[in-house]
Amino acid sequence: MADDTTGSGELTAKTENEALQTALAAAHAAVWGYGVVGAALGAEGRAPTAAAEAAHRDVRDRLTALLEDRDAEPVGAQGGYALPFPVLSAVDAAALAVVLEDGASAAWVRVLDQAAERSTRELAVGVLSGAEVRAVAWRSAAGRTTVTSALPGLPPD
């Protein structure tokens, strides 16, 4: 069930905007992180990296505009982000891309949970689907044996 901050169980514009802010923060992190991913890959890995970064930039820009239209101040990007592990190889870069996509997925699951408007839920499903498609490719490149997630954005347990 929805976990809102009003205590009433009611989904509101406030709960939705807070979840969208979290998704925007994840998009900012992903755009930054894909710069690291691209730097660690050879020329053959740059096309999917650029496509993933562009997808997150598009989401970031769409969310920024949506929040501004709602008179909500969009959360800004941080100056830098801590990497979860050193990125020293192409496999590390792919593993970082998985972390980025999984982080975005988790944020969009939160949006689905908190969305009051149908159009927001539709946006969330589309972005969540795109993140999982990219994550499947990156999991494979990272050498993972399980490349798909039955419920993207949710903990495996």
Protein backbone atom coordinates (compact mmCIF):
# COMPACT_ATOMS: atom_id res chain seq x y z
CA MET A 1 0.00 0.00 0.00
CA ALA A 2 1.00 3.59 -0.44
CA ASP A 3 3.33 4.99 2.19
CA ASP A 4 2.61 8.69 2.36
CA THR A 5 3.79 11.41 4.68
CA THR A 6 0.34 12.77 5.54
CA GLY A 7 -0.50 9.87 7.83
CA SER A 8 -3.91 9.59 6.22
CA GLY A 9 -3.02 7.02 3.57
CA GLU A 10 -4.15 9.53 0.97
CA LEU A 11 -2.00 10.16 -2.08
CA THR A 12 -1.59 13.86 -2.69
CA ALA A 13 0.28 16.24 -4.93
CA LYS A 14 2.74 16.62 -2.05
CA THR A 15 3.51 12.89 -1.82
CA GLU A 16 3.79 12.70 -5.58
CA ASN A 17 6.11 15.70 -5.84
CA GLU A 18 8.35 14.36 -3.07
CA ALA A 19 8.69 11.07 -4.94
CA LEU A 20 9.37 12.93 -8.18
CA GLN A 21 12.12 14.90 -6.40
CA THR A 22 13.72 11.59 -5.38
CA ALA A 23 13.53 10.37 -8.98
CA LEU A 24 15.07 13.64 -10.16
CA ALA A 25 17.94 13.21 -7.70
CA ALA A 26 18.49 9.69 -9.06
CA ALA A 27 18.51 11.06 -12.62
CA HIS A 28 21.14 13.65 -11.66
CA ALA A 29 23.29 10.90 -10.12
CA ALA A 30 22.88 8.69 -13.19
CA VAL A 31 23.89 11.47 -15.59
CA TRP A 32 27.03 12.09 -13.51
CA GLY A 33 27.73 8.38 -13.11
CA TYR A 34 27.53 7.65 -16.80
CA GLY A 35 30.41 10.09 -17.29
CA VAL A 36 32.50 7.73 -15.14
CA VAL A 37 31.17 4.68 -16.98
CA GLY A 38 32.04 6.18 -20.37
CA ALA A 39 35.53 7.15 -19.24
CA ALA A 40 36.28 3.54 -18.24
CA LEU A 41 35.03 1.93 -21.45
CA GLY A 42 36.71 1.63 -24.79
CA ALA A 43 35.25 3.03 -27.97
CA GLU A 44 32.94 0.00 -28.41
CA GLY A 45 31.22 0.73 -25.11
CA ARG A 46 30.66 4.41 -25.63
CA ALA A 47 27.49 4.18 -27.74
CA PRO A 48 25.38 2.40 -25.10
CA THR A 49 26.84 4.68 -22.44
CA ALA A 50 25.94 7.79 -24.42
CA ALA A 51 22.43 6.43 -25.06
CA ALA A 52 21.90 5.67 -21.36
CA GLU A 53 23.19 9.08 -20.33
CA ALA A 54 20.91 10.74 -22.88
CA ALA A 55 17.94 8.78 -21.55
CA HIS A 56 18.64 9.98 -18.01
CA ARG A 57 19.18 13.55 -19.23
CA ASP A 58 15.80 13.42 -20.96
CA VAL A 59 14.15 12.15 -17.78
CA ARG A 60 15.94 14.81 -15.74
CA ASP A 61 14.78 17.56 -18.07
CA ARG A 62 11.22 16.24 -18.16
CA LEU A 63 11.05 16.00 -14.37
CA THR A 64 12.52 19.47 -13.94
CA ALA A 65 9.87 20.93 -16.24
CA LEU A 66 7.09 18.94 -14.57
CA LEU A 67 8.08 20.10 -11.08
CA GLU A 68 8.47 23.71 -12.24
CA ASP A 69 4.99 23.55 -13.79
CA ARG A 70 3.73 22.48 -10.36
CA ASP A 71 5.51 25.43 -8.70
CA ALA A 72 7.86 23.02 -6.91
CA GLU A 73 11.56 23.87 -6.80
CA PRO A 74 13.37 20.95 -8.53
CA VAL A 75 16.22 19.43 -6.55
CA GLY A 76 19.58 20.31 -8.07
CA ALA A 77 22.48 18.07 -8.93
CA GLN A 78 25.28 17.62 -6.46
CA GLY A 79 28.76 18.79 -7.39
CA GLY A 80 29.98 15.19 -7.30
CA TYR A 81 28.91 11.79 -6.08
CA ALA A 82 30.69 9.04 -4.16
CA LEU A 83 31.27 5.92 -6.20
CA PRO A 84 30.20 2.66 -4.54
CA PHE A 85 33.48 1.02 -5.61
CA PRO A 86 36.55 1.86 -7.71
CA VAL A 87 35.95 1.77 -11.45
CA LEU A 88 39.16 0.33 -12.87
CA SER A 89 37.96 -1.80 -15.78
CA ALA A 90 35.19 -2.25 -18.31
CA VAL A 91 33.55 -4.82 -16.01
CA ASP A 92 33.63 -2.30 -13.15
CA ALA A 93 32.10 0.31 -15.46
CA ALA A 94 29.28 -2.06 -16.41
CA ALA A 95 28.71 -2.88 -12.74
CA LEU A 96 28.48 0.85 -11.96
CA ALA A 97 25.94 1.25 -14.76
CA VAL A 98 23.88 -1.52 -13.11
CA VAL A 99 24.02 0.39 -9.80
CA LEU A 100 22.89 3.57 -11.59
CA GLU A 101 19.96 1.86 -13.32
CA ASP A 102 18.95 -0.01 -10.16
CA GLY A 103 19.01 3.28 -8.24
CA ALA A 104 16.83 4.95 -10.84
CA SER A 105 14.46 1.97 -10.78
CA ALA A 106 14.10 2.13 -7.00
CA ALA A 107 13.25 5.83 -7.22
CA TRP A 108 10.63 5.20 -9.89
CA VAL A 109 9.03 2.41 -7.88
CA ARG A 110 8.62 5.03 -5.14
CA VAL A 111 6.96 7.32 -7.69
CA LEU A 112 4.55 4.54 -8.62
CA ASP A 113 3.74 4.06 -4.95
CA GLN A 114 3.19 7.77 -4.28
CA ALA A 115 1.65 8.97 -7.55
CA ALA A 116 -1.72 10.61 -7.27
CA GLU A 117 -2.11 11.23 -11.00
CA ARG A 118 -2.48 8.65 -13.72
CA SER A 119 -0.12 10.54 -16.03
CA THR A 120 2.60 10.32 -13.38
CA ARG A 121 2.10 6.56 -13.01
CA GLU A 122 2.30 6.18 -16.79
CA LEU A 123 5.54 8.17 -16.85
CA ALA A 124 6.92 6.03 -14.03
CA VAL A 125 6.12 2.76 -15.79
CA GLY A 126 7.79 3.97 -18.98
CA VAL A 127 10.94 5.18 -17.25
CA LEU A 128 11.12 2.08 -15.05
CA SER A 129 10.84 -0.15 -18.12
CA GLY A 130 13.62 1.71 -19.91
CA ALA A 131 15.89 1.48 -16.87
CA GLU A 132 15.40 -2.28 -16.64
CA VAL A 133 16.12 -2.79 -20.35
CA ARG A 134 19.40 -0.89 -19.94
CA ALA A 135 20.21 -2.74 -16.71
CA VAL A 136 19.81 -6.12 -18.42
CA ALA A 137 22.48 -5.20 -20.98
CA TRP A 138 24.80 -3.82 -18.29
CA ARG A 139 24.34 -6.87 -16.05
CA SER A 140 25.38 -9.05 -18.95
CA ALA A 141 28.42 -6.85 -19.65
CA ALA A 142 29.33 -7.03 -15.96
CA GLY A 143 29.35 -10.83 -16.15
CA ARG A 144 26.34 -11.41 -13.96
CA THR A 145 24.59 -14.72 -14.45
CA THR A 146 21.13 -13.40 -13.60
CA VAL A 147 20.54 -10.49 -15.93
CA THR A 148 16.83 -9.87 -15.50
CA SER A 149 14.85 -8.68 -12.52
CA ALA A 150 11.30 -9.91 -12.02
CA LEU A 151 10.41 -6.75 -10.10
CA PRO A 152 12.78 -3.94 -11.09
CA GLY A 153 13.38 -1.40 -8.38
CA LEU A 154 12.36 -3.66 -5.52
CA PRO A 155 14.77 -5.49 -3.21
CA PRO A 156 15.48 -9.07 -4.37
CA ASP A 157 14.15 -10.60 -1.14
